[in-house]
């Protein structure tokens, strides 16, 4: 499985990379730290799963961002990843095509495990 983690926090990328390796027997993980890098990579390589942070310094990911990503790679599973309130935002992102929403201050390991189990 080819995974892209798009988050401006190196610590969050490291933590989530560890969870992916824990739950998936084989995976290839790429990382980006801003939206521009993310779109550049999505235009060059195909991915199965994108873990996408909402708030990044060079541009935030809104529901239209999810639609733009799916227009580039219609088969990529986009999962939102944010410290923002899941209850307030999740439905708008799901309506745009995201498959899940992982709250950064919640049980990220269990949330990722559930998203992967429900979609792969």
N, C-alpha and C. Protein backbone atom coordinates (compact mmCIF):
# COMPACT_ATOMS: atom_id res chain seq x y z
N UNK A 1 0.85 -1.18 0.00
CA UNK A 1 0.00 0.00 0.00
C UNK A 1 0.89 1.24 0.00
N UNK A 2 0.55 2.17 -0.86
CA UNK A 2 1.30 3.43 -0.94
C UNK A 2 0.54 4.51 -0.17
N UNK A 3 1.22 5.08 0.82
CA UNK A 3 0.61 6.04 1.74
C UNK A 3 1.34 7.37 1.65
N UNK A 4 0.57 8.45 1.69
CA UNK A 4 1.14 9.80 1.76
C UNK A 4 0.62 10.45 3.04
N UNK A 5 1.55 10.90 3.88
CA UNK A 5 1.20 11.64 5.09
C UNK A 5 1.53 13.11 4.83
N UNK A 6 0.50 13.95 4.83
CA UNK A 6 0.66 15.39 4.58
C UNK A 6 0.36 16.14 5.88
N UNK A 7 1.42 16.55 6.56
CA UNK A 7 1.27 17.26 7.83
C UNK A 7 2.50 18.12 8.05
N UNK A 8 2.30 19.35 8.52
CA UNK A 8 3.44 20.24 8.73
C UNK A 8 4.25 19.88 9.97
N UNK A 9 3.71 19.06 10.86
CA UNK A 9 4.42 18.67 12.08
C UNK A 9 5.21 17.38 11.84
N UNK A 10 6.53 17.50 11.94
CA UNK A 10 7.37 16.32 11.76
C UNK A 10 7.05 15.26 12.81
N UNK A 11 6.77 15.70 14.04
CA UNK A 11 6.43 14.76 15.10
C UNK A 11 5.17 13.97 14.75
N UNK A 12 4.15 14.64 14.25
CA UNK A 12 2.91 13.95 13.87
C UNK A 12 3.17 12.95 12.73
N UNK A 13 4.01 13.34 11.79
CA UNK A 13 4.34 12.42 10.68
C UNK A 13 5.04 11.17 11.22
N UNK A 14 5.97 11.36 12.14
CA UNK A 14 6.70 10.23 12.72
C UNK A 14 5.74 9.31 13.49
N UNK A 15 4.89 9.90 14.30
CA UNK A 15 3.93 9.12 15.10
C UNK A 15 3.01 8.31 14.19
N UNK A 16 2.44 8.97 13.20
CA UNK A 16 1.49 8.27 12.32
C UNK A 16 2.19 7.22 11.46
N UNK A 17 3.42 7.49 11.04
CA UNK A 17 4.18 6.51 10.28
C UNK A 17 4.35 5.23 11.11
N UNK A 18 4.61 5.39 12.40
CA UNK A 18 4.73 4.25 13.30
C UNK A 18 3.44 3.45 13.38
N UNK A 19 2.30 4.14 13.43
CA UNK A 19 1.01 3.44 13.49
C UNK A 19 0.74 2.69 12.20
N UNK A 20 1.02 3.31 11.04
CA UNK A 20 0.82 2.61 9.77
C UNK A 20 1.65 1.33 9.73
N UNK A 21 2.91 1.42 10.15
CA UNK A 21 3.80 0.25 10.12
C UNK A 21 3.33 -0.83 11.10
N UNK A 22 2.68 -0.40 12.17
CA UNK A 22 2.15 -1.34 13.16
C UNK A 22 0.95 -2.12 12.59
N UNK A 23 0.10 -1.43 11.81
CA UNK A 23 -1.15 -2.04 11.35
C UNK A 23 -1.06 -2.69 9.97
N UNK A 24 -0.08 -2.32 9.16
CA UNK A 24 0.02 -2.85 7.81
C UNK A 24 1.31 -3.65 7.66
N UNK A 25 1.20 -4.85 7.11
CA UNK A 25 2.39 -5.69 6.99
C UNK A 25 3.40 -5.09 6.01
N UNK A 26 2.91 -4.53 4.94
CA UNK A 26 3.81 -3.85 4.00
C UNK A 26 3.18 -2.53 3.56
N UNK A 27 3.97 -1.49 3.58
CA UNK A 27 3.50 -0.20 3.10
C UNK A 27 4.70 0.65 2.74
N UNK A 28 4.47 1.52 1.77
CA UNK A 28 5.48 2.49 1.35
C UNK A 28 4.94 3.86 1.73
N UNK A 29 5.67 4.58 2.58
CA UNK A 29 5.17 5.83 3.11
C UNK A 29 5.99 7.01 2.59
N UNK A 30 5.28 7.99 2.03
CA UNK A 30 5.90 9.25 1.62
C UNK A 30 5.35 10.34 2.53
N UNK A 31 6.07 11.45 2.60
CA UNK A 31 5.65 12.54 3.48
C UNK A 31 5.77 13.88 2.77
N UNK A 32 4.84 14.77 3.09
CA UNK A 32 4.93 16.16 2.66
C UNK A 32 4.58 17.04 3.86
N UNK A 33 5.06 18.29 3.82
CA UNK A 33 4.83 19.17 4.97
C UNK A 33 3.96 20.37 4.65
N UNK A 34 3.48 20.47 3.40
CA UNK A 34 2.56 21.55 3.06
C UNK A 34 1.70 21.14 1.86
N UNK A 35 0.70 21.93 1.58
CA UNK A 35 -0.27 21.60 0.54
C UNK A 35 0.35 21.62 -0.86
N UNK A 36 1.23 22.57 -1.10
CA UNK A 36 1.88 22.66 -2.41
C UNK A 36 2.69 21.40 -2.71
N UNK A 37 3.49 20.95 -1.74
CA UNK A 37 4.26 19.71 -1.91
C UNK A 37 3.33 18.53 -2.11
N UNK A 38 2.23 18.52 -1.40
CA UNK A 38 1.27 17.42 -1.49
C UNK A 38 0.71 17.31 -2.90
N UNK A 39 0.26 18.43 -3.46
CA UNK A 39 -0.28 18.41 -4.82
C UNK A 39 0.80 18.05 -5.84
N UNK A 40 2.02 18.54 -5.64
CA UNK A 40 3.11 18.18 -6.56
C UNK A 40 3.32 16.68 -6.58
N UNK A 41 3.34 16.06 -5.41
CA UNK A 41 3.56 14.62 -5.33
C UNK A 41 2.37 13.83 -5.88
N UNK A 42 1.16 14.29 -5.59
CA UNK A 42 -0.04 13.61 -6.11
C UNK A 42 -0.10 13.65 -7.64
N UNK A 43 0.49 14.67 -8.23
CA UNK A 43 0.52 14.76 -9.69
C UNK A 43 1.61 13.87 -10.30
N UNK A 44 2.53 13.38 -9.48
CA UNK A 44 3.64 12.55 -9.98
C UNK A 44 3.49 11.08 -9.65
N UNK A 45 2.87 10.77 -8.51
CA UNK A 45 2.78 9.39 -8.04
C UNK A 45 1.35 9.06 -7.61
N UNK A 46 0.98 7.80 -7.79
CA UNK A 46 -0.32 7.33 -7.31
C UNK A 46 -0.18 6.83 -5.88
N UNK A 47 -1.20 7.10 -5.09
CA UNK A 47 -1.24 6.65 -3.71
C UNK A 47 -2.56 5.93 -3.45
N UNK A 48 -2.52 5.03 -2.46
CA UNK A 48 -3.74 4.34 -2.04
C UNK A 48 -4.44 5.09 -0.91
N UNK A 49 -3.63 5.79 -0.09
CA UNK A 49 -4.16 6.43 1.12
C UNK A 49 -3.44 7.75 1.35
N UNK A 50 -4.20 8.78 1.64
CA UNK A 50 -3.64 10.10 1.98
C UNK A 50 -4.17 10.52 3.33
N UNK A 51 -3.26 10.71 4.27
CA UNK A 51 -3.60 11.27 5.57
C UNK A 51 -3.32 12.76 5.48
N UNK A 52 -4.37 13.58 5.51
CA UNK A 52 -4.26 15.00 5.17
C UNK A 52 -4.59 15.90 6.35
N UNK A 53 -3.59 16.64 6.79
CA UNK A 53 -3.78 17.63 7.85
C UNK A 53 -4.63 18.78 7.31
N UNK A 54 -5.44 19.37 8.16
CA UNK A 54 -6.28 20.49 7.73
C UNK A 54 -5.52 21.81 7.77
N UNK A 55 -4.84 22.10 8.87
CA UNK A 55 -4.17 23.39 9.03
C UNK A 55 -2.67 23.25 8.79
N UNK A 56 -2.21 23.87 7.71
CA UNK A 56 -0.78 23.87 7.40
C UNK A 56 -0.38 25.30 7.05
N UNK A 57 0.87 25.67 7.30
CA UNK A 57 1.30 27.06 7.13
C UNK A 57 1.10 27.63 5.72
N UNK A 58 1.27 26.83 4.70
CA UNK A 58 1.17 27.37 3.34
C UNK A 58 -0.21 27.19 2.72
N UNK A 59 -1.20 26.87 3.53
CA UNK A 59 -2.55 26.71 3.02
C UNK A 59 -3.30 25.62 3.75
N UNK A 60 -4.54 25.92 4.09
CA UNK A 60 -5.36 24.95 4.79
C UNK A 60 -6.10 24.05 3.79
N UNK A 61 -6.42 22.84 4.25
CA UNK A 61 -7.17 21.89 3.45
C UNK A 61 -8.64 22.01 3.82
N UNK A 62 -9.44 22.45 2.87
CA UNK A 62 -10.87 22.54 3.12
C UNK A 62 -11.57 21.44 2.31
N UNK A 63 -12.89 21.31 2.40
CA UNK A 63 -13.57 20.26 1.64
C UNK A 63 -13.29 20.34 0.13
N UNK A 64 -13.13 21.54 -0.42
CA UNK A 64 -12.81 21.66 -1.84
C UNK A 64 -11.43 21.06 -2.17
N UNK A 65 -10.52 21.10 -1.21
CA UNK A 65 -9.21 20.49 -1.39
C UNK A 65 -9.36 18.99 -1.60
N UNK A 66 -10.24 18.37 -0.84
CA UNK A 66 -10.49 16.93 -0.99
C UNK A 66 -11.01 16.65 -2.40
N UNK A 67 -11.93 17.47 -2.87
CA UNK A 67 -12.48 17.28 -4.23
C UNK A 67 -11.38 17.45 -5.28
N UNK A 68 -10.49 18.42 -5.08
CA UNK A 68 -9.38 18.63 -6.03
C UNK A 68 -8.45 17.42 -6.05
N UNK A 69 -8.18 16.87 -4.88
CA UNK A 69 -7.32 15.68 -4.80
C UNK A 69 -7.97 14.51 -5.51
N UNK A 70 -9.25 14.30 -5.29
CA UNK A 70 -9.95 13.19 -5.92
C UNK A 70 -10.07 13.37 -7.43
N UNK A 71 -10.02 14.61 -7.89
CA UNK A 71 -10.03 14.86 -9.34
C UNK A 71 -8.69 14.44 -9.95
N UNK A 72 -7.62 14.54 -9.17
CA UNK A 72 -6.29 14.12 -9.63
C UNK A 72 -6.14 12.61 -9.54
N UNK A 73 -6.56 12.05 -8.40
CA UNK A 73 -6.46 10.60 -8.15
C UNK A 73 -7.78 10.11 -7.58
N UNK A 74 -8.65 9.66 -8.45
CA UNK A 74 -10.00 9.31 -8.01
C UNK A 74 -10.05 8.11 -7.06
N UNK A 75 -9.02 7.27 -7.05
CA UNK A 75 -9.05 6.08 -6.21
C UNK A 75 -8.33 6.23 -4.87
N UNK A 76 -7.70 7.37 -4.64
CA UNK A 76 -7.00 7.55 -3.37
C UNK A 76 -8.02 7.73 -2.24
N UNK A 77 -7.76 7.08 -1.13
CA UNK A 77 -8.61 7.23 0.05
C UNK A 77 -8.05 8.39 0.88
N UNK A 78 -8.84 9.44 1.04
CA UNK A 78 -8.39 10.63 1.78
C UNK A 78 -8.98 10.59 3.18
N UNK A 79 -8.11 10.66 4.17
CA UNK A 79 -8.54 10.71 5.57
C UNK A 79 -8.02 12.00 6.17
N UNK A 80 -8.91 12.78 6.73
CA UNK A 80 -8.52 14.04 7.35
C UNK A 80 -7.85 13.78 8.69
N UNK A 81 -6.95 14.69 9.06
CA UNK A 81 -6.14 14.55 10.26
C UNK A 81 -5.99 15.94 10.85
N UNK A 82 -6.58 16.16 12.03
CA UNK A 82 -6.59 17.54 12.52
C UNK A 82 -6.79 17.63 14.02
N UNK A 83 -6.31 18.73 14.57
CA UNK A 83 -6.59 19.08 15.95
C UNK A 83 -7.90 19.84 16.05
N UNK A 84 -8.46 20.23 14.88
CA UNK A 84 -9.74 20.94 14.87
C UNK A 84 -10.86 20.00 15.31
N UNK A 85 -11.98 20.57 15.72
CA UNK A 85 -13.08 19.78 16.25
C UNK A 85 -13.71 18.87 15.20
N UNK A 86 -13.56 17.57 15.41
CA UNK A 86 -14.10 16.56 14.50
C UNK A 86 -15.61 16.69 14.35
N UNK A 87 -16.31 16.88 15.45
CA UNK A 87 -17.77 16.93 15.42
C UNK A 87 -18.30 18.08 14.56
N UNK A 88 -17.57 19.16 14.51
CA UNK A 88 -17.98 20.33 13.72
C UNK A 88 -17.66 20.16 12.24
N UNK A 89 -16.55 19.52 11.93
CA UNK A 89 -16.04 19.51 10.55
C UNK A 89 -16.21 18.20 9.78
N UNK A 90 -16.30 17.09 10.47
CA UNK A 90 -16.24 15.79 9.80
C UNK A 90 -17.23 15.63 8.65
N UNK A 91 -18.47 15.99 8.85
CA UNK A 91 -19.48 15.73 7.82
C UNK A 91 -19.19 16.48 6.52
N UNK A 92 -18.72 17.73 6.61
CA UNK A 92 -18.40 18.49 5.40
C UNK A 92 -17.29 17.81 4.61
N UNK A 93 -16.29 17.27 5.30
CA UNK A 93 -15.19 16.58 4.62
C UNK A 93 -15.66 15.24 4.04
N UNK A 94 -16.51 14.54 4.77
CA UNK A 94 -17.06 13.27 4.24
C UNK A 94 -17.91 13.53 3.00
N UNK A 95 -18.70 14.59 3.05
CA UNK A 95 -19.53 14.95 1.89
C UNK A 95 -18.67 15.25 0.67
N UNK A 96 -17.46 15.76 0.91
CA UNK A 96 -16.54 16.09 -0.18
C UNK A 96 -15.80 14.85 -0.71
N UNK A 97 -15.88 13.74 0.04
CA UNK A 97 -15.25 12.51 -0.42
C UNK A 97 -14.23 11.89 0.51
N UNK A 98 -13.97 12.51 1.66
CA UNK A 98 -13.04 11.92 2.63
C UNK A 98 -13.67 10.67 3.25
N UNK A 99 -12.82 9.69 3.57
CA UNK A 99 -13.32 8.43 4.13
C UNK A 99 -13.28 8.42 5.66
N UNK A 100 -12.64 9.41 6.25
CA UNK A 100 -12.54 9.43 7.70
C UNK A 100 -11.97 10.74 8.21
N UNK A 101 -11.94 10.85 9.52
CA UNK A 101 -11.43 12.06 10.18
C UNK A 101 -10.80 11.62 11.49
N UNK A 102 -9.49 11.78 11.60
CA UNK A 102 -8.78 11.41 12.82
C UNK A 102 -8.46 12.67 13.61
N UNK A 103 -8.93 12.69 14.84
CA UNK A 103 -8.70 13.82 15.74
C UNK A 103 -7.32 13.67 16.36
N UNK A 104 -6.48 14.69 16.24
CA UNK A 104 -5.10 14.61 16.74
C UNK A 104 -5.01 14.41 18.24
N UNK A 105 -5.91 14.94 18.98
CA UNK A 105 -5.78 14.80 20.43
C UNK A 105 -6.57 13.61 20.97
N UNK A 106 -7.14 12.83 20.06
CA UNK A 106 -7.89 11.64 20.48
C UNK A 106 -6.99 10.42 20.47
N UNK A 107 -7.58 9.25 20.43
CA UNK A 107 -6.81 8.01 20.34
C UNK A 107 -6.49 7.78 18.87
N UNK A 108 -5.41 8.37 18.42
CA UNK A 108 -5.06 8.35 16.99
C UNK A 108 -4.78 6.93 16.50
N UNK A 109 -4.17 6.12 17.32
CA UNK A 109 -3.86 4.75 16.93
C UNK A 109 -5.14 3.97 16.65
N UNK A 110 -6.07 4.02 17.57
CA UNK A 110 -7.33 3.30 17.40
C UNK A 110 -8.15 3.86 16.24
N UNK A 111 -8.14 5.18 16.09
CA UNK A 111 -8.89 5.81 14.99
C UNK A 111 -8.33 5.38 13.63
N UNK A 112 -7.00 5.35 13.50
CA UNK A 112 -6.39 4.92 12.24
C UNK A 112 -6.69 3.45 11.98
N UNK A 113 -6.60 2.63 13.01
CA UNK A 113 -6.90 1.20 12.86
C UNK A 113 -8.32 1.00 12.33
N UNK A 114 -9.25 1.78 12.86
CA UNK A 114 -10.66 1.68 12.43
C UNK A 114 -10.83 2.13 10.99
N UNK A 115 -10.21 3.25 10.62
CA UNK A 115 -10.31 3.76 9.24
C UNK A 115 -9.74 2.71 8.27
N UNK A 116 -8.60 2.15 8.59
CA UNK A 116 -7.99 1.16 7.70
C UNK A 116 -8.86 -0.10 7.61
N UNK A 117 -9.39 -0.56 8.73
CA UNK A 117 -10.24 -1.76 8.74
C UNK A 117 -11.50 -1.56 7.92
N UNK A 118 -12.06 -0.36 7.94
CA UNK A 118 -13.30 -0.09 7.23
C UNK A 118 -13.11 0.18 5.75
N UNK A 119 -11.88 0.41 5.30
CA UNK A 119 -11.66 0.82 3.91
C UNK A 119 -10.69 -0.05 3.12
N UNK A 120 -10.03 -0.99 3.76
CA UNK A 120 -9.07 -1.84 3.03
C UNK A 120 -9.24 -3.29 3.42
